[in-house]
Structure formats: structure tokens, C-alpha cells
């Protein structure tokens, strides 16, 4: 039996009925036609499905859609404003931070969430001084982005793109 679900996805409100077993990823892709988040491993290990839910990054393949009633979901597409690329999108292009591009939407959403965490001074496992503002070194960025895999191995350029976007957003 399907249950009603209200979501705001990339600024647009949606009401749909979903089976209680439906993941947020499947609701986005199969029910709403939002194709930005990708189904990679479907086990929460690769990060291709990463979206922002109420501003926090989330592997949407692991989340049941109904547990996010009335949530604000932002995909990589939703980070653009009025058709203009976000600083993260631009940095990924300028730094050539992708090859096949399959992981890119998840990488971009994860980077957006990570940049907000750093701005909020949330420490990571490699943060040395827990009392000081977070310094987004390459090591810090690599650690914070470690939940997102790139099969092509564009990690050096991904770190450079996140670093560039962090500088621009500062």
C-alpha cells in the first residue's frame, strides 16, 4: 500500500505516493524523473547518489523516502541558480575534476555539504586543532570527500576543484 510523501526537490514542491520500501534515490529518479543523483553501488559505498537533505549530505540510496516527509532535497542540478553554474560546478569544469562524469553530481553535492560543514567549523578525523576554525587543507578535503568514489581516479583534480570553490566562496 502506497503512502503519501511531500518533498521539495531543487526548489519545486512534489506530492507523490510511494511504497514504504522505496528509497529516496528511487523516488527521485523513478517517480520524479530527477536524474542528477546516480545509482552506483546501491549500498551507500560509492557516493554517486549523494544529495543534500535539509542542507546535510546524504546517500540517498540508503534512505527510505518516507522518512524524509516535507524535506528539502537539493541535487547537483539544484545548486545552480537561474541556469547559472554554482562556484562548485565552475571549479569542477575549470579543474577538469571529472572524466566519465558519472560520479560528478554526487561529488558536487558532497562538496557543497562539506564546505558548509567546514564553514560551521565541524571537525573531521584529521582536524588537528578542534578549537580553531577549520583550515581546508588538501588532507582535510580528501578526508571529508572520502565517501565519494571516482572510478576514473580524478581525485587530484577533485581536491583542486573543491579548494578553488572554497576560496571563491570565502
C-alpha atoms as a PDB file:
ATOM      1  CA  UNK A   1       0.000   0.000   0.000  1.00  0.00           C
ATOM      2  CA  UNK A   2       1.434   3.371  -1.053  1.00  0.00           C
ATOM      3  CA  UNK A   3       1.792   6.259   1.376  1.00  0.00           C
ATOM      4  CA  UNK A   4       1.734   9.987   0.598  1.00  0.00           C
ATOM      5  CA  UNK A   5       5.032  11.850   0.544  1.00  0.00           C
ATOM      6  CA  UNK A   6       5.707  15.565   0.233  1.00  0.00           C
ATOM      7  CA  UNK A   7       9.149  16.697  -0.852  1.00  0.00           C
ATOM      8  CA  UNK A   8      10.677  19.891  -2.111  1.00  0.00           C
ATOM      9  CA  UNK A   9      13.264  18.935  -4.726  1.00  0.00           C
ATOM     10  CA  UNK A  10      15.519  21.637  -6.146  1.00  0.00           C
ATOM     11  CA  UNK A  11      13.005  24.265  -5.066  1.00  0.00           C
ATOM     12  CA  UNK A  12       9.956  22.539  -6.554  1.00  0.00           C
ATOM     13  CA  UNK A  13       7.273  21.008  -4.337  1.00  0.00           C
ATOM     14  CA  UNK A  14       6.110  17.468  -5.097  1.00  0.00           C
ATOM     15  CA  UNK A  15       3.425  15.215  -3.674  1.00  0.00           C
ATOM     16  CA  UNK A  16       3.565  11.553  -4.555  1.00  0.00           C
ATOM     17  CA  UNK A  17       2.582   8.167  -3.201  1.00  0.00           C
ATOM     18  CA  UNK A  18       5.340   5.651  -2.534  1.00  0.00           C
ATOM     19  CA  UNK A  19       5.710   2.134  -1.264  1.00  0.00           C
ATOM     20  CA  UNK A  20       7.244   2.181   2.254  1.00  0.00           C
ATOM     21  CA  UNK A  21      10.288   0.308   0.901  1.00  0.00           C
ATOM     22  CA  UNK A  22      11.112   2.981  -1.694  1.00  0.00           C
ATOM     23  CA  UNK A  23      14.470   4.667  -1.217  1.00  0.00           C
ATOM     24  CA  UNK A  24      14.835   8.393  -1.616  1.00  0.00           C
ATOM     25  CA  UNK A  25      17.053   7.730  -4.653  1.00  0.00           C
ATOM     26  CA  UNK A  26      14.367   5.631  -6.337  1.00  0.00           C
ATOM     27  CA  UNK A  27      11.670   8.189  -5.513  1.00  0.00           C
ATOM     28  CA  UNK A  28      13.795  10.931  -7.077  1.00  0.00           C
ATOM     29  CA  UNK A  29      14.809   9.020 -10.198  1.00  0.00           C
ATOM     30  CA  UNK A  30      11.895   6.667 -10.881  1.00  0.00           C
ATOM     31  CA  UNK A  31       8.960   8.664  -9.571  1.00  0.00           C
ATOM     32  CA  UNK A  32      10.023  12.290 -10.128  1.00  0.00           C
ATOM     33  CA  UNK A  33      12.394  11.886 -13.078  1.00  0.00           C
ATOM     34  CA  UNK A  34      15.231  13.673 -11.281  1.00  0.00           C
ATOM     35  CA  UNK A  35      18.253  12.036 -12.874  1.00  0.00           C
ATOM     36  CA  UNK A  36      21.116  14.004 -11.297  1.00  0.00           C
ATOM     37  CA  UNK A  37      21.736  11.575  -8.402  1.00  0.00           C
ATOM     38  CA  UNK A  38      23.093   8.329  -9.825  1.00  0.00           C
ATOM     39  CA  UNK A  39      22.569   4.749  -8.744  1.00  0.00           C
ATOM     40  CA  UNK A  40      26.096   3.438  -8.417  1.00  0.00           C
ATOM     41  CA  UNK A  41      26.564   0.657  -5.904  1.00  0.00           C
ATOM     42  CA  UNK A  42      23.098   0.932  -4.294  1.00  0.00           C
ATOM     43  CA  UNK A  43      24.774   0.087  -0.960  1.00  0.00           C
ATOM     44  CA  UNK A  44      25.964   3.509   0.263  1.00  0.00           C
ATOM     45  CA  UNK A  45      29.593   2.792  -0.580  1.00  0.00           C
ATOM     46  CA  UNK A  46      30.289   4.960  -3.644  1.00  0.00           C
ATOM     47  CA  UNK A  47      28.520   8.298  -3.028  1.00  0.00           C
ATOM     48  CA  UNK A  48      27.160   8.675  -6.589  1.00  0.00           C
ATOM     49  CA  UNK A  49      23.685   9.144  -5.105  1.00  0.00           C
ATOM     50  CA  UNK A  50      24.692  11.928  -2.683  1.00  0.00           C
ATOM     51  CA  UNK A  51      22.139  14.715  -2.306  1.00  0.00           C
ATOM     52  CA  UNK A  52      21.609  17.413   0.294  1.00  0.00           C
ATOM     53  CA  UNK A  53      18.617  16.878   2.577  1.00  0.00           C
ATOM     54  CA  UNK A  54      17.778  19.935   4.618  1.00  0.00           C
ATOM     55  CA  UNK A  55      21.324  21.118   3.891  1.00  0.00           C
ATOM     56  CA  UNK A  56      23.136  17.960   5.013  1.00  0.00           C
ATOM     57  CA  UNK A  57      24.692  15.470   2.635  1.00  0.00           C
ATOM     58  CA  UNK A  58      23.085  12.054   2.462  1.00  0.00           C
ATOM     59  CA  UNK A  59      23.497   8.862   0.460  1.00  0.00           C
ATOM     60  CA  UNK A  60      20.001   8.731  -0.978  1.00  0.00           C
ATOM     61  CA  UNK A  61      20.230   5.011  -1.802  1.00  0.00           C
ATOM     62  CA  UNK A  62      20.288   4.220   1.933  1.00  0.00           C
ATOM     63  CA  UNK A  63      17.428   6.500   2.992  1.00  0.00           C
ATOM     64  CA  UNK A  64      13.813   5.452   2.884  1.00  0.00           C
ATOM     65  CA  UNK A  65      11.844   8.165   1.126  1.00  0.00           C
ATOM     66  CA  UNK A  66       9.035   8.227   3.696  1.00  0.00           C
ATOM     67  CA  UNK A  67      11.471   9.120   6.475  1.00  0.00           C
ATOM     68  CA  UNK A  68      12.046  12.428   4.735  1.00  0.00           C
ATOM     69  CA  UNK A  69       8.496  13.760   4.690  1.00  0.00           C
ATOM     70  CA  UNK A  70       8.489  17.519   3.995  1.00  0.00           C
ATOM     71  CA  UNK A  71      12.267  17.546   3.471  1.00  0.00           C
ATOM     72  CA  UNK A  72      14.085  19.997   1.249  1.00  0.00           C
ATOM     73  CA  UNK A  73      16.180  17.919  -1.166  1.00  0.00           C
ATOM     74  CA  UNK A  74      18.869  19.557  -3.277  1.00  0.00           C
ATOM     75  CA  UNK A  75      20.583  17.704  -6.104  1.00  0.00           C
ATOM     76  CA  UNK A  76      23.585  18.892  -8.076  1.00  0.00           C
ATOM     77  CA  UNK A  77      21.162  20.450 -10.559  1.00  0.00           C
ATOM     78  CA  UNK A  78      19.553  22.428  -7.746  1.00  0.00           C
ATOM     79  CA  UNK A  79      22.844  24.061  -6.792  1.00  0.00           C
ATOM     80  CA  UNK A  80      22.705  26.098  -9.997  1.00  0.00           C
ATOM     81  CA  UNK A  81      20.866  29.419  -9.767  1.00  0.00           C
ATOM     82  CA  UNK A  82      18.729  30.689 -12.652  1.00  0.00           C
ATOM     83  CA  UNK A  83      20.614  28.475 -15.081  1.00  0.00           C
ATOM     84  CA  UNK A  84      24.000  29.751 -13.863  1.00  0.00           C
ATOM     85  CA  UNK A  85      26.533  27.223 -12.637  1.00  0.00           C
ATOM     86  CA  UNK A  86      27.437  27.348  -8.976  1.00  0.00           C
ATOM     87  CA  UNK A  87      31.039  28.101  -7.954  1.00  0.00           C
ATOM     88  CA  UNK A  88      31.454  24.357  -7.345  1.00  0.00           C
ATOM     89  CA  UNK A  89      30.215  23.460 -10.823  1.00  0.00           C
ATOM     90  CA  UNK A  90      32.542  26.037 -12.374  1.00  0.00           C
ATOM     91  CA  UNK A  91      35.506  24.816 -10.314  1.00  0.00           C
ATOM     92  CA  UNK A  92      34.869  21.211 -11.374  1.00  0.00           C
ATOM     93  CA  UNK A  93      34.910  22.333 -15.009  1.00  0.00           C
ATOM     94  CA  UNK A  94      37.954  24.595 -14.661  1.00  0.00           C
ATOM     95  CA  UNK A  95      39.970  21.982 -12.752  1.00  0.00           C
ATOM     96  CA  UNK A  96      38.905  19.127 -15.084  1.00  0.00           C
ATOM     97  CA  UNK A  97      37.658  17.280 -12.000  1.00  0.00           C
ATOM     98  CA  UNK A  98      35.874  14.512 -13.853  1.00  0.00           C
ATOM     99  CA  UNK A  99      36.418  12.108 -16.680  1.00  0.00           C
ATOM    100  CA  UNK A 100      33.348   9.969 -17.345  1.00  0.00           C
ATOM    101  CA  UNK A 101      31.243  12.264 -15.135  1.00  0.00           C
ATOM    102  CA  UNK A 102      29.130   9.528 -13.555  1.00  0.00           C
ATOM    103  CA  UNK A 103      30.180  10.397 -10.001  1.00  0.00           C
ATOM    104  CA  UNK A 104      30.230  14.167 -10.554  1.00  0.00           C
ATOM    105  CA  UNK A 105      26.718  15.061  -9.303  1.00  0.00           C
ATOM    106  CA  UNK A 106      27.362  13.161  -6.073  1.00  0.00           C
ATOM    107  CA  UNK A 107      30.835  14.667  -5.755  1.00  0.00           C
ATOM    108  CA  UNK A 108      29.429  18.182  -6.211  1.00  0.00           C
ATOM    109  CA  UNK A 109      26.663  17.658  -3.635  1.00  0.00           C
ATOM    110  CA  UNK A 110      29.111  16.129  -1.191  1.00  0.00           C
ATOM    111  CA  UNK A 111      31.489  19.055  -1.712  1.00  0.00           C
ATOM    112  CA  UNK A 112      28.660  21.535  -1.090  1.00  0.00           C
ATOM    113  CA  UNK A 113      27.753  19.779   2.160  1.00  0.00           C
ATOM    114  CA  UNK A 114      31.410  19.506   3.129  1.00  0.00           C
ATOM    115  CA  UNK A 115      32.028  23.207   2.542  1.00  0.00           C
ATOM    116  CA  UNK A 116      29.090  24.039   4.798  1.00  0.00           C
ATOM    117  CA  UNK A 117      30.389  21.681   7.493  1.00  0.00           C
ATOM    118  CA  UNK A 118      33.795  23.376   7.302  1.00  0.00           C
ATOM    119  CA  UNK A 119      32.172  26.829   7.430  1.00  0.00           C
ATOM    120  CA  UNK A 120      30.372  25.668  10.583  1.00  0.00           C
ATOM    121  CA  UNK A 121      33.780  24.582  11.961  1.00  0.00           C
ATOM    122  CA  UNK A 122      32.701  20.947  12.256  1.00  0.00           C
ATOM    123  CA  UNK A 123      35.921  18.951  12.688  1.00  0.00           C
ATOM    124  CA  UNK A 124      36.862  15.844  10.736  1.00  0.00           C
ATOM    125  CA  UNK A 125      39.060  12.981  11.850  1.00  0.00           C
ATOM    126  CA  UNK A 126      42.155  14.822  10.525  1.00  0.00           C
ATOM    127  CA  UNK A 127      41.346  18.229  12.048  1.00  0.00           C
ATOM    128  CA  UNK A 128      44.291  18.966  14.335  1.00  0.00           C
ATOM    129  CA  UNK A 129      43.020  21.889  16.423  1.00  0.00           C
ATOM    130  CA  UNK A 130      39.406  21.305  17.424  1.00  0.00           C
ATOM    131  CA  UNK A 131      39.106  24.837  18.812  1.00  0.00           C
ATOM    132  CA  UNK A 132      40.384  26.687  15.714  1.00  0.00           C
ATOM    133  CA  UNK A 133      38.439  27.460  12.550  1.00  0.00           C
ATOM    134  CA  UNK A 134      38.661  24.611  10.034  1.00  0.00           C
ATOM    135  CA  UNK A 135      41.530  25.056   7.581  1.00  0.00           C
ATOM    136  CA  UNK A 136      40.615  23.284   4.335  1.00  0.00           C
ATOM    137  CA  UNK A 137      43.981  21.778   3.508  1.00  0.00           C
ATOM    138  CA  UNK A 138      44.222  19.134   0.792  1.00  0.00           C
ATOM    139  CA  UNK A 139      44.352  16.484   3.525  1.00  0.00           C
ATOM    140  CA  UNK A 140      41.198  17.899   5.124  1.00  0.00           C
ATOM    141  CA  UNK A 141      39.362  17.956   1.767  1.00  0.00           C
ATOM    142  CA  UNK A 142      40.457  14.389   0.916  1.00  0.00           C
ATOM    143  CA  UNK A 143      39.203  13.121   4.273  1.00  0.00           C
ATOM    144  CA  UNK A 144      35.885  14.930   4.036  1.00  0.00           C
ATOM    145  CA  UNK A 145      35.317  13.746   0.442  1.00  0.00           C
ATOM    146  CA  UNK A 146      36.398  10.148   1.143  1.00  0.00           C
ATOM    147  CA  UNK A 147      32.828   8.830   0.968  1.00  0.00           C
ATOM    148  CA  UNK A 148      32.651   9.643  -2.743  1.00  0.00           C
ATOM    149  CA  UNK A 149      34.469   7.322  -5.117  1.00  0.00           C
ATOM    150  CA  UNK A 150      35.615   8.149  -8.645  1.00  0.00           C
ATOM    151  CA  UNK A 151      36.181   5.115 -10.843  1.00  0.00           C
ATOM    152  CA  UNK A 152      38.304   7.214 -13.214  1.00  0.00           C
ATOM    153  CA  UNK A 153      40.625   8.377 -10.441  1.00  0.00           C
ATOM    154  CA  UNK A 154      40.202  12.145 -10.858  1.00  0.00           C
ATOM    155  CA  UNK A 155      40.854  12.705  -7.144  1.00  0.00           C
ATOM    156  CA  UNK A 156      43.717  15.196  -7.527  1.00  0.00           C
ATOM    157  CA  UNK A 157      41.530  17.423  -9.699  1.00  0.00           C
ATOM    158  CA  UNK A 158      38.505  16.974  -7.429  1.00  0.00           C
ATOM    159  CA  UNK A 159      40.547  18.204  -4.451  1.00  0.00           C
ATOM    160  CA  UNK A 160      41.769  21.151  -6.542  1.00  0.00           C
ATOM    161  CA  UNK A 161      38.181  21.969  -7.574  1.00  0.00           C
ATOM    162  CA  UNK A 162      36.887  21.879  -4.005  1.00  0.00           C
ATOM    163  CA  UNK A 163      39.813  24.014  -2.876  1.00  0.00           C
ATOM    164  CA  UNK A 164      39.126  26.542  -5.657  1.00  0.00           C
ATOM    165  CA  UNK A 165      35.416  26.712  -4.793  1.00  0.00           C
ATOM    166  CA  UNK A 166      36.230  27.125  -1.088  1.00  0.00           C
ATOM    167  CA  UNK A 167      38.473  30.085  -1.902  1.00  0.00           C
ATOM    168  CA  UNK A 168      35.829  31.654  -4.144  1.00  0.00           C
ATOM    169  CA  UNK A 169      33.050  31.190  -1.583  1.00  0.00           C
ATOM    170  CA  UNK A 170      35.123  32.631   1.260  1.00  0.00           C
END
